[in-house]
C-alpha cells in the first residue's frame, strides 16, 4: 500500500476527503478545507506580503516568453529545480512555509524538500497544460498542492484517452497527486474572463539530490 493511500485511510471517513479513484495506478486525493477559513486568511495575507514574488521568463516552443503569474521557489539548500530553461536556486524556508510543509508531510506521509509558490493576480493569470515529470522529481513523484485565496478551475486530462477532470480548488484546499499521475495526466489552470481576485498556490515537491 502506498504512503498516500495509507494517509487517506488515516484521515478516516471525513466528508472533506475526495478520492477520485482513477485507473493506471494514479493517486489523486482532494482534502477540502485542509486549513480552515480563518487560518487560510492569515496564511494568505502573510505569504502575499512576505514571499519574494517575481516575474519570470521561460524558454518554450523555441522562444522566451513571460510567465503569466508571479512565482518564487523555496526549499532546502540543495533543492535546485530546472524547467523550461530556467534554473531555480531555492530561497531559505520561511517559518510559515516550513510549518505548512510539516503539516502537509504529516498528512501525506511523504517528505518534501522544496515548494514552488505561484501568485495568480487575476483571471488573466494562468498555468499552461503540463505534467510535473522533470527528472529532478524522480519516478512517480508525489506533489501536494495547497490553494489559498480565490477559487480557480484546475483542469486535468489523460494523455492517451483524453478523459478529462475539472476541479475547482478553493481557499484552504489540498490536492495531492501521486502514483503514476504525472505519467498519465497533464494539468492546467486556464485563463478566465470571470472576475477573479488573487490566489496563491503552493506545490510541495521532493527534488532528488544526486
N, C-alpha and C. Protein backbone atom coordinates (compact mmCIF):
# COMPACT_ATOMS: atom_id res chain seq x y z
N UNK A 1 0.85 -1.20 0.00
CA UNK A 1 0.00 0.00 0.00
C UNK A 1 0.88 1.24 0.00
N UNK A 2 0.56 2.20 -0.86
CA UNK A 2 1.36 3.42 -0.94
C UNK A 2 1.16 4.27 0.30
N UNK A 3 2.12 5.17 0.54
CA UNK A 3 2.02 6.09 1.67
C UNK A 3 0.81 7.00 1.53
N UNK A 4 0.49 7.36 0.29
CA UNK A 4 -0.65 8.26 0.08
C UNK A 4 -1.96 7.55 0.39
N UNK A 5 -2.09 6.28 0.01
CA UNK A 5 -3.29 5.53 0.34
C UNK A 5 -3.39 5.34 1.85
N UNK A 6 -2.25 5.09 2.50
CA UNK A 6 -2.27 4.94 3.95
C UNK A 6 -2.70 6.25 4.61
N UNK A 7 -2.24 7.38 4.06
CA UNK A 7 -2.63 8.68 4.59
C UNK A 7 -4.13 8.88 4.45
N UNK A 8 -4.69 8.41 3.35
CA UNK A 8 -6.13 8.53 3.14
C UNK A 8 -6.89 7.74 4.20
N UNK A 9 -6.42 6.54 4.48
CA UNK A 9 -7.08 5.71 5.49
C UNK A 9 -6.98 6.37 6.86
N UNK A 10 -5.82 6.93 7.17
CA UNK A 10 -5.61 7.58 8.45
C UNK A 10 -6.53 8.79 8.61
N UNK A 11 -6.84 9.44 7.49
CA UNK A 11 -7.71 10.61 7.55
C UNK A 11 -9.13 10.21 7.94
N UNK A 12 -9.50 8.95 7.67
CA UNK A 12 -10.81 8.46 8.06
C UNK A 12 -11.88 8.77 7.04
N UNK A 13 -13.10 8.73 7.47
CA UNK A 13 -14.24 8.90 6.58
C UNK A 13 -14.75 10.32 6.56
N UNK A 14 -13.89 11.26 6.88
CA UNK A 14 -14.28 12.67 6.87
C UNK A 14 -14.78 13.04 5.48
N UNK A 15 -15.92 13.72 5.43
CA UNK A 15 -16.53 14.07 4.14
C UNK A 15 -15.71 15.09 3.36
N UNK A 16 -14.72 15.69 3.99
CA UNK A 16 -13.89 16.66 3.27
C UNK A 16 -12.93 15.98 2.31
N UNK A 17 -12.71 14.68 2.45
CA UNK A 17 -11.75 13.97 1.61
C UNK A 17 -12.44 13.34 0.42
N UNK A 18 -11.89 13.59 -0.77
CA UNK A 18 -12.41 13.03 -2.01
C UNK A 18 -11.30 12.24 -2.69
N UNK A 19 -11.52 10.96 -2.89
CA UNK A 19 -10.60 10.12 -3.66
C UNK A 19 -11.22 9.92 -5.04
N UNK A 20 -10.51 10.35 -6.09
CA UNK A 20 -11.07 10.30 -7.44
C UNK A 20 -11.00 8.90 -8.06
N UNK A 21 -10.29 7.97 -7.40
CA UNK A 21 -10.29 6.56 -7.82
C UNK A 21 -10.00 6.40 -9.32
N UNK A 22 -8.92 7.00 -9.77
CA UNK A 22 -8.53 6.91 -11.17
C UNK A 22 -7.76 5.63 -11.45
N UNK A 23 -7.77 5.22 -12.71
CA UNK A 23 -7.10 3.99 -13.14
C UNK A 23 -5.60 4.22 -13.35
N UNK A 24 -4.90 3.20 -13.82
CA UNK A 24 -3.48 3.27 -14.22
C UNK A 24 -2.54 3.50 -13.05
N UNK A 25 -2.93 3.16 -11.84
CA UNK A 25 -2.06 3.38 -10.71
C UNK A 25 -1.93 4.84 -10.32
N UNK A 26 -2.90 5.65 -10.72
CA UNK A 26 -2.90 7.08 -10.42
C UNK A 26 -3.54 7.31 -9.06
N UNK A 27 -2.93 8.16 -8.26
CA UNK A 27 -3.48 8.53 -6.96
C UNK A 27 -3.78 10.03 -6.99
N UNK A 28 -5.03 10.38 -6.75
CA UNK A 28 -5.46 11.77 -6.76
C UNK A 28 -6.46 11.96 -5.64
N UNK A 29 -6.08 12.74 -4.63
CA UNK A 29 -6.89 12.93 -3.44
C UNK A 29 -7.03 14.42 -3.18
N UNK A 30 -8.25 14.84 -2.89
CA UNK A 30 -8.54 16.24 -2.56
C UNK A 30 -9.07 16.30 -1.13
N UNK A 31 -8.49 17.19 -0.34
CA UNK A 31 -8.97 17.43 1.02
C UNK A 31 -9.50 18.87 1.07
N UNK A 32 -10.81 19.00 1.14
CA UNK A 32 -11.42 20.31 1.26
C UNK A 32 -11.13 20.90 2.65
N UNK A 33 -10.84 22.20 2.68
CA UNK A 33 -10.59 22.91 3.93
C UNK A 33 -9.52 22.22 4.77
N UNK A 34 -8.43 21.85 4.12
CA UNK A 34 -7.27 21.33 4.86
C UNK A 34 -6.85 22.35 5.91
N UNK A 35 -6.93 23.61 5.56
CA UNK A 35 -6.86 24.71 6.52
C UNK A 35 -8.24 25.36 6.58
N UNK A 36 -8.70 25.65 7.79
CA UNK A 36 -9.96 26.33 7.94
C UNK A 36 -9.91 27.75 7.42
N UNK A 37 -11.07 28.39 7.32
CA UNK A 37 -11.15 29.69 6.67
C UNK A 37 -10.32 30.76 7.37
N UNK A 38 -10.38 30.82 8.68
CA UNK A 38 -9.65 31.86 9.41
C UNK A 38 -8.15 31.68 9.25
N UNK A 39 -7.67 30.45 9.44
CA UNK A 39 -6.24 30.20 9.30
C UNK A 39 -5.79 30.41 7.85
N UNK A 40 -6.62 30.03 6.90
CA UNK A 40 -6.29 30.26 5.49
C UNK A 40 -6.15 31.74 5.19
N UNK A 41 -7.05 32.55 5.75
CA UNK A 41 -6.95 34.01 5.59
C UNK A 41 -5.62 34.53 6.11
N UNK A 42 -5.23 34.05 7.29
CA UNK A 42 -3.99 34.52 7.91
C UNK A 42 -2.77 34.10 7.09
N UNK A 43 -2.77 32.85 6.63
CA UNK A 43 -1.65 32.37 5.82
C UNK A 43 -1.56 33.12 4.50
N UNK A 44 -2.70 33.35 3.86
CA UNK A 44 -2.71 34.06 2.59
C UNK A 44 -2.10 35.45 2.75
N UNK A 45 -2.53 36.19 3.75
CA UNK A 45 -2.03 37.55 3.96
C UNK A 45 -0.52 37.54 4.25
N UNK A 46 -0.07 36.59 5.05
CA UNK A 46 1.35 36.52 5.41
C UNK A 46 2.20 36.16 4.20
N UNK A 47 1.79 35.16 3.44
CA UNK A 47 2.57 34.74 2.27
C UNK A 47 2.56 35.81 1.19
N UNK A 48 1.44 36.47 1.01
CA UNK A 48 1.35 37.52 -0.01
C UNK A 48 2.34 38.65 0.28
N UNK A 49 2.49 39.00 1.54
CA UNK A 49 3.35 40.13 1.90
C UNK A 49 4.82 39.73 2.06
N UNK A 50 5.09 38.48 2.46
CA UNK A 50 6.46 38.12 2.85
C UNK A 50 7.25 37.39 1.79
N UNK A 51 6.60 36.65 0.89
CA UNK A 51 7.37 35.89 -0.10
C UNK A 51 7.94 36.81 -1.17
N UNK A 52 9.06 36.39 -1.75
CA UNK A 52 9.78 37.20 -2.74
C UNK A 52 9.24 36.92 -4.14
N UNK A 53 8.04 37.44 -4.41
CA UNK A 53 7.39 37.21 -5.69
C UNK A 53 8.15 37.89 -6.82
N UNK A 54 8.22 37.24 -7.97
CA UNK A 54 8.93 37.82 -9.11
C UNK A 54 8.34 37.34 -10.42
N UNK A 55 8.51 38.14 -11.45
CA UNK A 55 8.16 37.73 -12.81
C UNK A 55 9.29 36.90 -13.37
N UNK A 56 8.95 35.91 -14.20
CA UNK A 56 9.96 35.07 -14.82
C UNK A 56 9.70 34.94 -16.30
N UNK A 57 10.78 34.70 -17.06
CA UNK A 57 10.70 34.32 -18.46
C UNK A 57 11.14 32.88 -18.58
N UNK A 58 10.43 32.09 -19.39
CA UNK A 58 10.80 30.70 -19.62
C UNK A 58 10.97 30.47 -21.12
N UNK A 59 11.76 29.45 -21.47
CA UNK A 59 12.03 29.11 -22.87
C UNK A 59 11.09 27.99 -23.27
N UNK A 60 10.16 28.28 -24.16
CA UNK A 60 9.16 27.31 -24.56
C UNK A 60 8.81 27.50 -26.03
N UNK A 61 8.67 26.40 -26.74
CA UNK A 61 8.36 26.44 -28.18
C UNK A 61 9.36 27.31 -28.95
N UNK A 62 10.64 27.22 -28.54
CA UNK A 62 11.71 27.89 -29.26
C UNK A 62 11.89 29.37 -28.99
N UNK A 63 11.23 29.90 -27.98
CA UNK A 63 11.40 31.32 -27.68
C UNK A 63 11.15 31.59 -26.20
N UNK A 64 11.65 32.74 -25.75
CA UNK A 64 11.46 33.15 -24.37
C UNK A 64 10.13 33.88 -24.24
N UNK A 65 9.34 33.47 -23.25
CA UNK A 65 8.04 34.11 -23.02
C UNK A 65 7.90 34.42 -21.53
N UNK A 66 7.09 35.41 -21.23
CA UNK A 66 6.87 35.80 -19.85
C UNK A 66 5.82 34.89 -19.21
N UNK A 67 6.13 34.39 -18.02
CA UNK A 67 5.20 33.54 -17.29
C UNK A 67 3.99 34.37 -16.86
N UNK A 68 2.76 33.90 -17.13
CA UNK A 68 1.57 34.70 -16.82
C UNK A 68 1.12 34.56 -15.36
N UNK A 69 2.03 34.75 -14.43
CA UNK A 69 1.77 34.75 -13.00
C UNK A 69 3.09 35.09 -12.32
N UNK A 70 3.05 35.39 -11.03
CA UNK A 70 4.27 35.62 -10.26
C UNK A 70 4.67 34.32 -9.57
N UNK A 71 5.98 34.15 -9.34
CA UNK A 71 6.48 32.89 -8.82
C UNK A 71 7.61 33.12 -7.83
N UNK A 72 7.89 32.11 -7.01
CA UNK A 72 9.10 32.05 -6.21
C UNK A 72 9.33 30.61 -5.76
N UNK A 73 10.56 30.29 -5.43
CA UNK A 73 10.99 28.93 -5.14
C UNK A 73 11.71 28.91 -3.80
N UNK A 74 11.26 28.06 -2.88
CA UNK A 74 11.85 27.95 -1.55
C UNK A 74 12.16 26.48 -1.27
N UNK A 75 13.15 26.25 -0.39
CA UNK A 75 13.43 24.86 -0.05
C UNK A 75 14.77 24.67 0.61
N UNK A 76 15.15 23.40 0.75
CA UNK A 76 16.47 23.07 1.28
C UNK A 76 17.55 23.59 0.33
N UNK A 77 18.73 23.78 0.86
CA UNK A 77 19.81 24.41 0.09
C UNK A 77 20.12 23.68 -1.20
N UNK A 78 20.05 22.34 -1.19
CA UNK A 78 20.44 21.55 -2.38
C UNK A 78 19.29 21.34 -3.37
N UNK A 79 18.12 21.87 -3.07
CA UNK A 79 16.94 21.55 -3.88
C UNK A 79 16.81 22.47 -5.08
N UNK A 80 17.76 22.38 -6.00
CA UNK A 80 17.69 23.13 -7.24
C UNK A 80 16.66 22.49 -8.16
N UNK A 81 16.00 23.35 -8.94
CA UNK A 81 14.94 22.86 -9.83
C UNK A 81 15.05 23.58 -11.15
N UNK A 82 15.11 22.81 -12.24
CA UNK A 82 15.24 23.43 -13.56
C UNK A 82 14.08 22.99 -14.45
N UNK A 83 13.43 23.97 -15.08
CA UNK A 83 12.43 23.65 -16.08
C UNK A 83 12.32 24.80 -17.06
N UNK A 84 12.03 24.46 -18.31
CA UNK A 84 11.85 25.45 -19.38
C UNK A 84 13.03 26.41 -19.47
N UNK A 85 14.24 25.87 -19.28
CA UNK A 85 15.44 26.67 -19.47
C UNK A 85 15.81 27.56 -18.30
N UNK A 86 15.11 27.45 -17.17
CA UNK A 86 15.40 28.31 -16.02
C UNK A 86 15.80 27.43 -14.84
N UNK A 87 16.95 27.75 -14.22
CA UNK A 87 17.43 27.02 -13.05
C UNK A 87 17.05 27.81 -11.80
N UNK A 88 16.28 27.19 -10.92
CA UNK A 88 15.80 27.87 -9.73
C UNK A 88 16.63 27.48 -8.51
N UNK A 89 17.29 28.46 -7.93
CA UNK A 89 18.02 28.25 -6.69
C UNK A 89 17.08 28.59 -5.53
N UNK A 90 16.89 27.66 -4.60
CA UNK A 90 15.87 27.89 -3.58
C UNK A 90 16.26 28.98 -2.57
N UNK A 91 15.28 29.77 -2.19
CA UNK A 91 15.43 30.66 -1.06
C UNK A 91 15.21 29.85 0.21
N UNK A 92 15.78 30.27 1.34
CA UNK A 92 15.58 29.53 2.59
C UNK A 92 14.11 29.53 3.01
N UNK A 93 13.69 28.44 3.64
CA UNK A 93 12.33 28.34 4.13
C UNK A 93 11.96 29.51 5.03
N UNK A 94 10.78 30.05 4.86
CA UNK A 94 10.24 30.96 5.85
C UNK A 94 9.58 30.12 6.94
N UNK A 95 9.33 30.71 8.10
CA UNK A 95 8.71 29.95 9.19
C UNK A 95 7.32 29.45 8.79
N UNK A 96 6.55 30.28 8.06
CA UNK A 96 5.21 29.88 7.64
C UNK A 96 5.27 28.72 6.64
N UNK A 97 6.14 28.83 5.64
CA UNK A 97 6.24 27.76 4.65
C UNK A 97 6.69 26.45 5.29
N UNK A 98 7.63 26.54 6.22
CA UNK A 98 8.12 25.33 6.87
C UNK A 98 7.03 24.68 7.71
N UNK A 99 6.23 25.49 8.39
CA UNK A 99 5.13 24.95 9.19
C UNK A 99 4.08 24.29 8.30
N UNK A 100 3.77 24.91 7.17
CA UNK A 100 2.82 24.30 6.23
C UNK A 100 3.39 22.98 5.71
N UNK A 101 4.67 22.99 5.35
CA UNK A 101 5.32 21.77 4.84
C UNK A 101 5.18 20.62 5.84
N UNK A 102 5.43 20.90 7.10
CA UNK A 102 5.35 19.84 8.11
C UNK A 102 3.93 19.30 8.26
N UNK A 103 2.95 20.18 8.19
CA UNK A 103 1.55 19.73 8.28
C UNK A 103 1.17 18.88 7.07
N UNK A 104 1.61 19.30 5.88
CA UNK A 104 1.31 18.54 4.66
C UNK A 104 2.03 17.19 4.69
N UNK A 105 3.28 17.18 5.13
CA UNK A 105 4.04 15.93 5.23
C UNK A 105 3.35 14.95 6.17
N UNK A 106 2.87 15.45 7.29
CA UNK A 106 2.19 14.58 8.25
C UNK A 106 0.93 13.96 7.63
N UNK A 107 0.22 14.75 6.84
CA UNK A 107 -0.99 14.24 6.19
C UNK A 107 -0.66 13.22 5.11
N UNK A 108 0.37 13.53 4.29
CA UNK A 108 0.67 12.71 3.11
C UNK A 108 1.60 11.55 3.39
N UNK A 109 2.24 11.52 4.57
CA UNK A 109 3.25 10.52 4.87
C UNK A 109 4.37 10.56 3.82
N UNK A 110 4.69 11.77 3.36
CA UNK A 110 5.75 11.98 2.38
C UNK A 110 6.65 13.12 2.87
N UNK A 111 7.93 13.07 2.49
CA UNK A 111 8.86 14.14 2.83
C UNK A 111 9.05 15.04 1.61
N UNK A 112 9.03 16.35 1.83
CA UNK A 112 9.25 17.33 0.77
C UNK A 112 10.44 18.20 1.14
N UNK A 113 11.19 18.62 0.12
CA UNK A 113 12.34 19.49 0.39
C UNK A 113 12.27 20.82 -0.35
N UNK A 114 11.11 21.13 -0.95
CA UNK A 114 11.01 22.36 -1.72
C UNK A 114 9.55 22.68 -1.99
N UNK A 115 9.31 23.94 -2.35
CA UNK A 115 7.95 24.35 -2.71
C UNK A 115 8.02 25.42 -3.79
N UNK A 116 7.20 25.26 -4.81
CA UNK A 116 7.03 26.28 -5.84
C UNK A 116 5.77 27.07 -5.49
N UNK A 117 5.93 28.38 -5.30
CA UNK A 117 4.79 29.24 -4.98
C UNK A 117 4.40 30.03 -6.22
N UNK A 118 3.10 30.03 -6.53
CA UNK A 118 2.57 30.79 -7.66
C UNK A 118 1.54 31.78 -7.16
N UNK A 119 1.59 33.00 -7.68
CA UNK A 119 0.61 34.03 -7.34
C UNK A 119 -0.16 34.39 -8.61
N UNK A 120 -1.45 34.05 -8.62
CA UNK A 120 -2.35 34.41 -9.71
C UNK A 120 -3.02 35.73 -9.33
N UNK A 121 -2.70 36.79 -10.07
CA UNK A 121 -3.16 38.12 -9.67
C UNK A 121 -4.60 38.39 -10.04
N UNK A 122 -5.07 37.75 -11.12
CA UNK A 122 -6.45 37.92 -11.58
C UNK A 122 -6.76 36.78 -12.54
N UNK A 123 -7.91 36.86 -13.21
CA UNK A 123 -8.31 35.79 -14.11
C UNK A 123 -7.44 35.66 -15.35
N UNK A 124 -6.67 36.67 -15.67
CA UNK A 124 -5.78 36.61 -16.83
C UNK A 124 -4.53 35.80 -16.55
N UNK A 125 -4.15 35.68 -15.26
CA UNK A 125 -3.00 34.85 -14.91
C UNK A 125 -3.39 33.38 -15.01
N UNK A 126 -2.45 32.55 -15.44
CA UNK A 126 -2.79 31.15 -15.73
C UNK A 126 -1.56 30.27 -15.64
N UNK A 127 -1.79 28.96 -15.82
CA UNK A 127 -0.72 27.98 -15.91
C UNK A 127 -1.03 27.06 -17.08
N UNK A 128 -0.09 26.93 -17.99
CA UNK A 128 -0.31 26.11 -19.18
C UNK A 128 -0.36 24.63 -18.87
N UNK A 129 -0.84 23.87 -19.83
CA UNK A 129 -1.02 22.43 -19.68
C UNK A 129 0.34 21.72 -19.63
N UNK A 130 0.56 20.91 -18.59
CA UNK A 130 1.85 20.24 -18.43
C UNK A 130 1.72 19.12 -17.40
N UNK A 131 2.77 18.32 -17.28
CA UNK A 131 2.91 17.34 -16.21
C UNK A 131 4.17 17.67 -15.43
N UNK A 132 4.15 17.42 -14.15
CA UNK A 132 5.34 17.63 -13.33
C UNK A 132 6.19 16.37 -13.39
N UNK A 133 6.87 16.19 -14.52
CA UNK A 133 7.60 14.95 -14.77
C UNK A 133 9.08 15.18 -15.05
N UNK A 134 9.62 16.31 -14.59
CA UNK A 134 11.04 16.57 -14.77
C UNK A 134 11.86 15.52 -14.03
N UNK A 135 13.03 15.22 -14.55
CA UNK A 135 13.85 14.14 -13.98
C UNK A 135 14.24 14.44 -12.54
N UNK A 136 14.34 15.72 -12.17
CA UNK A 136 14.73 16.07 -10.79
C UNK A 136 13.71 15.59 -9.77
N UNK A 137 12.47 15.34 -10.22
CA UNK A 137 11.42 14.91 -9.31
C UNK A 137 11.37 13.40 -9.12
N UNK A 138 12.15 12.66 -9.88
CA UNK A 138 12.20 11.22 -9.74
C UNK A 138 11.01 10.54 -10.42
N UNK A 139 10.93 9.24 -10.20
CA UNK A 139 9.89 8.42 -10.82
C UNK A 139 8.62 8.47 -9.96
N UNK A 140 7.50 8.76 -10.60
CA UNK A 140 6.20 8.80 -9.92
C UNK A 140 6.23 9.67 -8.66
N UNK A 141 6.50 10.95 -8.82
CA UNK A 141 6.59 11.83 -7.65
C UNK A 141 5.23 12.09 -7.01
N UNK A 142 5.25 12.42 -5.74
CA UNK A 142 4.06 12.92 -5.06
C UNK A 142 4.15 14.44 -5.00
N UNK A 143 3.13 15.12 -5.48
CA UNK A 143 3.05 16.57 -5.48
C UNK A 143 1.85 16.97 -4.63
N UNK A 144 2.08 17.79 -3.63
CA UNK A 144 0.99 18.26 -2.75
C UNK A 144 0.77 19.74 -3.00
N UNK A 145 -0.46 20.09 -3.38
CA UNK A 145 -0.76 21.45 -3.85
C UNK A 145 -1.80 22.10 -2.93
N UNK A 146 -1.39 23.17 -2.24
CA UNK A 146 -2.28 23.90 -1.34
C UNK A 146 -2.74 25.19 -2.02
N UNK A 147 -4.05 25.43 -2.01
CA UNK A 147 -4.63 26.64 -2.60
C UNK A 147 -5.09 27.58 -1.50
N UNK A 148 -4.78 28.86 -1.68
CA UNK A 148 -5.21 29.91 -0.75
C UNK A 148 -5.72 31.09 -1.56
N UNK A 149 -6.81 31.68 -1.13
CA UNK A 149 -7.35 32.83 -1.85
C UNK A 149 -8.49 32.45 -2.77
N UNK A 150 -8.61 33.18 -3.86
CA UNK A 150 -9.71 33.00 -4.82
C UNK A 150 -9.72 31.58 -5.40
N UNK A 151 -10.91 30.99 -5.49
CA UNK A 151 -11.03 29.68 -6.12
C UNK A 151 -10.74 29.75 -7.61
N UNK A 152 -10.05 28.73 -8.14
CA UNK A 152 -9.76 28.65 -9.57
C UNK A 152 -9.99 27.23 -10.07
N UNK A 153 -10.30 27.14 -11.36
CA UNK A 153 -10.51 25.86 -12.00
C UNK A 153 -9.16 25.19 -12.27
N UNK A 154 -9.05 23.93 -11.88
CA UNK A 154 -7.87 23.11 -12.13
C UNK A 154 -8.31 22.01 -13.10
N UNK A 155 -7.79 22.06 -14.32
CA UNK A 155 -8.21 21.14 -15.38
C UNK A 155 -7.16 20.04 -15.55
N UNK A 156 -7.64 18.81 -15.68
CA UNK A 156 -6.77 17.67 -15.93
C UNK A 156 -7.30 16.88 -17.12
N UNK A 157 -6.39 16.30 -17.89
CA UNK A 157 -6.84 15.33 -18.89
C UNK A 157 -5.78 14.26 -19.12
N UNK A 158 -6.28 13.07 -19.43
CA UNK A 158 -5.43 11.90 -19.62
C UNK A 158 -4.66 12.04 -20.94
N UNK A 159 -3.39 11.70 -20.92
CA UNK A 159 -2.56 11.89 -22.11
C UNK A 159 -2.99 11.02 -23.28
N UNK A 160 -3.54 9.84 -23.01
CA UNK A 160 -3.90 8.93 -24.08
C UNK A 160 -5.41 8.89 -24.34
N UNK A 161 -6.19 8.68 -23.31
CA UNK A 161 -7.63 8.51 -23.51
C UNK A 161 -8.37 9.84 -23.67
N UNK A 162 -7.71 10.94 -23.27
CA UNK A 162 -8.30 12.29 -23.29
C UNK A 162 -9.45 12.43 -22.29
N UNK A 163 -9.57 11.46 -21.38
CA UNK A 163 -10.52 11.63 -20.27
C UNK A 163 -10.19 12.94 -19.56
N UNK A 164 -11.19 13.70 -19.18
CA UNK A 164 -10.96 14.99 -18.55
C UNK A 164 -11.56 15.03 -17.15
N UNK A 165 -11.00 15.93 -16.34
CA UNK A 165 -11.44 16.09 -14.97
C UNK A 165 -11.26 17.56 -14.60
N UNK A 166 -12.34 18.20 -14.14
CA UNK A 166 -12.29 19.60 -13.72
C UNK A 166 -12.53 19.68 -12.22
N UNK A 167 -11.61 20.35 -11.53
CA UNK A 167 -11.71 20.50 -10.08
C UNK A 167 -11.60 21.99 -9.75
N UNK A 168 -12.55 22.52 -9.01
CA UNK A 168 -12.43 23.90 -8.53
C UNK A 168 -11.74 23.87 -7.18
N UNK A 169 -10.53 24.42 -7.13
CA UNK A 169 -9.74 24.44 -5.90
C UNK A 169 -10.06 25.71 -5.14
N UNK A 170 -10.52 25.54 -3.90
CA UNK A 170 -10.98 26.65 -3.08
C UNK A 170 -9.97 27.00 -1.99
N UNK A 171 -10.26 28.06 -1.28
CA UNK A 171 -9.47 28.59 -0.18
C UNK A 171 -9.22 27.50 0.87
N UNK A 172 -7.95 27.11 1.05
CA UNK A 172 -7.58 26.13 2.07
C UNK A 172 -7.58 24.69 1.62
N UNK A 173 -7.91 24.41 0.34
CA UNK A 173 -7.95 23.03 -0.16
C UNK A 173 -6.55 22.49 -0.42
N UNK A 174 -6.39 21.19 -0.20
CA UNK A 174 -5.14 20.49 -0.50
C UNK A 174 -5.42 19.39 -1.52
N UNK A 175 -4.74 19.45 -2.67
CA UNK A 175 -4.83 18.42 -3.70
C UNK A 175 -3.51 17.68 -3.75
N UNK A 176 -3.57 16.35 -3.66
CA UNK A 176 -2.35 15.53 -3.67
C UNK A 176 -2.37 14.61 -4.88
N UNK A 177 -1.34 14.74 -5.70
CA UNK A 177 -1.18 13.90 -6.89
C UNK A 177 -0.02 12.95 -6.65
N UNK A 178 -0.30 11.66 -6.76
CA UNK A 178 0.74 10.67 -6.51
C UNK A 178 0.63 9.49 -7.46
N UNK A 179 1.37 8.43 -7.14
CA UNK A 179 1.39 7.26 -8.01
C UNK A 179 1.84 7.64 -9.40
N UNK A 180 1.13 7.20 -10.42
CA UNK A 180 1.50 7.45 -11.81
C UNK A 180 0.77 8.65 -12.40
N UNK A 181 0.34 9.57 -11.54
CA UNK A 181 -0.44 10.71 -12.02
C UNK A 181 0.31 11.52 -13.07
N UNK A 182 1.58 11.82 -12.82
CA UNK A 182 2.33 12.66 -13.76
C UNK A 182 2.69 11.92 -15.04
N UNK A 183 2.66 10.59 -14.99
CA UNK A 183 2.96 9.80 -16.18
C UNK A 183 1.78 9.80 -17.15
N UNK A 184 0.55 9.79 -16.62
CA UNK A 184 -0.62 9.61 -17.47
C UNK A 184 -1.48 10.86 -17.63
N UNK A 185 -1.33 11.84 -16.75
CA UNK A 185 -2.20 13.01 -16.78
C UNK A 185 -1.40 14.30 -16.88
N UNK A 186 -2.01 15.30 -17.52
CA UNK A 186 -1.48 16.66 -17.53
C UNK A 186 -2.52 17.57 -16.89
N UNK A 187 -2.08 18.76 -16.45
CA UNK A 187 -2.99 19.65 -15.74
C UNK A 187 -2.69 21.10 -16.08
N UNK A 188 -3.66 21.98 -15.80
CA UNK A 188 -3.52 23.40 -16.11
C UNK A 188 -4.46 24.22 -15.24
N UNK A 189 -4.19 25.52 -15.16
CA UNK A 189 -5.10 26.50 -14.58
C UNK A 189 -5.37 27.51 -15.69
N UNK A 190 -6.50 27.39 -16.39
CA UNK A 190 -6.74 28.24 -17.57
C UNK A 190 -7.12 29.66 -17.21
N UNK A 191 -6.92 30.54 -18.18
CA UNK A 191 -7.40 31.92 -18.04
C UNK A 191 -8.92 31.92 -17.97
N UNK A 192 -9.48 32.98 -17.40
CA UNK A 192 -10.93 33.13 -17.36
C UNK A 192 -11.30 34.60 -17.47
N UNK A 193 -12.44 34.86 -18.11
CA UNK A 193 -12.93 36.23 -18.21
C UNK A 193 -13.72 36.65 -16.97
N UNK A 194 -14.00 35.68 -16.11
CA UNK A 194 -14.71 35.98 -14.87
C UNK A 194 -13.83 36.83 -13.95
N UNK A 195 -14.45 37.67 -13.17
CA UNK A 195 -13.68 38.49 -12.22
C UNK A 195 -13.06 37.59 -11.16
N UNK A 196 -11.75 37.65 -11.02
CA UNK A 196 -11.04 36.84 -10.04
C UNK A 196 -10.07 37.72 -9.26
N UNK A 197 -10.03 37.52 -7.96
CA UNK A 197 -9.05 38.19 -7.13
C UNK A 197 -7.84 37.28 -6.95
N UNK A 198 -6.92 37.63 -6.09
CA UNK A 198 -5.64 36.94 -6.01
C UNK A 198 -5.75 35.53 -5.43
N UNK A 199 -4.91 34.66 -5.95
CA UNK A 199 -4.82 33.28 -5.46
C UNK A 199 -3.36 32.90 -5.32
N UNK A 200 -3.03 32.24 -4.22
CA UNK A 200 -1.70 31.68 -4.01
C UNK A 200 -1.81 30.16 -4.06
N UNK A 201 -0.91 29.54 -4.79
CA UNK A 201 -0.83 28.08 -4.85
C UNK A 201 0.58 27.65 -4.45
N UNK A 202 0.66 26.72 -3.51
CA UNK A 202 1.93 26.17 -3.06
C UNK A 202 2.00 24.71 -3.47
N UNK A 203 2.99 24.34 -4.29
CA UNK A 203 3.14 22.94 -4.69
C UNK A 203 4.43 22.39 -4.07
N UNK A 204 4.24 21.51 -3.11
CA UNK A 204 5.37 20.90 -2.39
C UNK A 204 5.88 19.71 -3.17
N UNK A 205 7.21 19.62 -3.26
CA UNK A 205 7.87 18.60 -4.08
C UNK A 205 9.09 18.06 -3.35
N UNK A 206 9.59 16.93 -3.83
CA UNK A 206 10.87 16.42 -3.35
C UNK A 206 11.83 16.32 -4.52
N UNK A 207 12.81 17.21 -4.54
CA UNK A 207 13.84 17.19 -5.56
C UNK A 207 14.84 16.10 -5.22
N UNK A 208 15.17 15.26 -6.20
CA UNK A 208 16.14 14.20 -5.99
C UNK A 208 17.55 14.79 -5.98
N UNK A 209 18.25 14.61 -4.87
CA UNK A 209 19.60 15.15 -4.72
C UNK A 209 20.60 14.07 -5.09
N UNK A 210 21.43 14.35 -6.08
CA UNK A 210 22.41 13.34 -6.53
C UNK A 210 23.67 13.41 -5.68
